[in-house]
Amino acid sequence: MDKIAIIVAKLRKEKNWSQTDLANQSSVSREMISKYERGIAIPSVDAAKKIADAFGVSLDYLVGEGINASFDKKTLQRLQEIEGMNSEFKGHLFSIIDSVIRDYKTQQAYSS
């Protein structure tokens, strides 16, 4: 089965959407959503963009390819904003992020 078929079905189920719900959110027909999920058809770039937008993910994420494939749109937007910061602000932000990651890993280690 094609990656996009698996990813579309997974995202739809995570949102507890029916194929009709996704069709309504994306303006792509329910019949085509069904074909994409079964791997019978591959969405056009336009249809894939509409589906990605409905889920709030990037096209890379939807098709499971590229450097940004594991990031949703909010994460990508945040990364772009961080890239625009000067090094002092980045340093402060990374210190906070590092602390949160350390605390999370510690919590996970003790809960295992």
Protein backbone atom coordinates (compact mmCIF):
# COMPACT_ATOMS: atom_id res chain seq x y z
CA MET A 1 0.00 0.00 0.00
CA ASP A 2 1.20 3.51 -0.81
CA LYS A 3 2.52 5.67 2.06
CA ILE A 4 -0.04 8.37 1.40
CA ALA A 5 -2.86 5.82 1.72
CA ILE A 6 -1.63 4.77 5.15
CA ILE A 7 -1.00 8.34 6.33
CA VAL A 8 -4.38 9.69 5.19
CA ALA A 9 -6.22 6.83 6.90
CA LYS A 10 -4.13 7.24 10.07
CA LEU A 11 -4.67 11.01 10.28
CA ARG A 12 -8.37 10.64 9.60
CA LYS A 13 -8.75 8.07 12.36
CA GLU A 14 -6.73 10.20 14.79
CA LYS A 15 -9.23 13.01 14.24
CA ASN A 16 -12.16 10.58 14.51
CA TRP A 17 -13.35 11.74 11.10
CA SER A 18 -15.31 9.68 8.63
CA GLN A 19 -14.31 9.83 4.99
CA THR A 20 -17.27 12.17 4.53
CA ASP A 21 -15.93 14.44 7.28
CA LEU A 22 -12.55 14.61 5.54
CA ALA A 23 -14.26 15.24 2.22
CA ASN A 24 -16.17 18.15 3.74
CA GLN A 25 -13.05 19.58 5.40
CA SER A 26 -10.89 19.27 2.28
CA SER A 27 -13.36 19.80 -0.60
CA VAL A 28 -12.16 16.49 -2.07
CA SER A 29 -14.92 13.98 -2.82
CA ARG A 30 -15.55 11.12 -0.41
CA GLU A 31 -15.19 8.70 -3.31
CA MET A 32 -11.68 9.97 -4.05
CA ILE A 33 -10.75 9.89 -0.35
CA SER A 34 -11.78 6.24 -0.33
CA LYS A 35 -9.68 5.51 -3.43
CA TYR A 36 -6.65 7.27 -1.91
CA GLU A 37 -6.95 5.29 1.33
CA ARG A 38 -7.24 2.00 -0.55
CA GLY A 39 -4.25 2.87 -2.74
CA ILE A 40 -6.34 2.69 -5.90
CA ALA A 41 -5.60 6.30 -6.83
CA ILE A 42 -2.92 8.84 -5.99
CA PRO A 43 -4.11 12.37 -5.27
CA SER A 44 -3.11 15.23 -7.52
CA VAL A 45 -0.91 17.87 -5.95
CA ASP A 46 -3.99 20.08 -5.57
CA ALA A 47 -6.01 17.35 -3.84
CA ALA A 48 -3.07 16.39 -1.61
CA LYS A 49 -2.63 20.05 -0.61
CA LYS A 50 -6.33 20.32 0.30
CA ILE A 51 -6.12 17.14 2.39
CA ALA A 52 -2.90 18.28 4.07
CA ASP A 53 -4.49 21.64 4.89
CA ALA A 54 -7.56 19.91 6.35
CA PHE A 55 -5.31 17.90 8.67
CA GLY A 56 -3.01 20.85 9.40
CA VAL A 57 0.09 19.06 8.12
CA SER A 58 2.62 19.77 5.37
CA LEU A 59 2.62 18.00 2.02
CA ASP A 60 5.94 16.40 3.05
CA TYR A 61 4.22 14.95 6.10
CA LEU A 62 1.23 13.73 4.10
CA VAL A 63 3.34 11.86 1.58
CA GLY A 64 5.91 10.71 4.15
CA GLU A 65 8.84 12.18 2.25
CA GLY A 66 11.33 14.99 2.62
CA ILE A 67 13.11 16.70 5.45
CA ASN A 68 9.88 18.02 6.97
CA ALA A 69 7.96 14.75 6.79
CA SER A 70 7.75 14.32 10.55
CA PHE A 71 6.56 17.87 11.32
CA ASP A 72 3.07 19.29 11.34
CA LYS A 73 2.47 22.84 10.10
CA LYS A 74 2.58 24.42 13.56
CA THR A 75 5.95 22.85 14.27
CA LEU A 76 7.31 24.00 10.91
CA GLN A 77 6.04 27.52 11.54
CA ARG A 78 7.72 27.55 14.95
CA LEU A 79 10.99 26.31 13.46
CA GLN A 80 10.87 29.04 10.83
CA GLU A 81 10.27 31.66 13.52
CA ILE A 82 13.20 30.33 15.56
CA GLU A 83 15.44 30.53 12.49
CA GLY A 84 14.62 34.25 12.26
CA MET A 85 15.74 34.95 15.84
CA ASN A 86 19.11 36.37 16.73
CA SER A 87 21.59 34.04 18.44
CA GLU A 88 20.93 35.44 21.93
CA PHE A 89 17.20 34.65 21.77
CA LYS A 90 17.92 31.26 20.20
CA GLY A 91 20.29 30.47 23.06
CA HIS A 92 17.63 31.29 25.66
CA LEU A 93 15.00 29.27 23.83
CA PHE A 94 17.27 26.26 23.39
CA SER A 95 18.12 26.31 27.11
CA ILE A 96 14.42 26.09 27.92
CA ILE A 97 13.85 23.35 25.36
CA ASP A 98 16.86 21.38 26.64
CA SER A 99 15.50 21.60 30.21
CA VAL A 100 12.07 20.35 29.16
CA ILE A 101 13.59 17.48 27.16
CA ARG A 102 15.82 16.51 30.09
CA ASP A 103 12.84 16.55 32.48
CA TYR A 104 10.75 14.51 30.06
CA LYS A 105 13.47 11.88 29.62
CA THR A 106 13.94 11.67 33.38
CA GLN A 107 10.20 11.23 33.87
CA GLN A 108 10.11 8.50 31.22
CA ALA A 109 13.06 6.70 32.77
CA TYR A 110 11.42 6.61 36.19
CA SER A 111 8.00 5.60 34.89
CA SER A 112 9.38 2.54 33.07
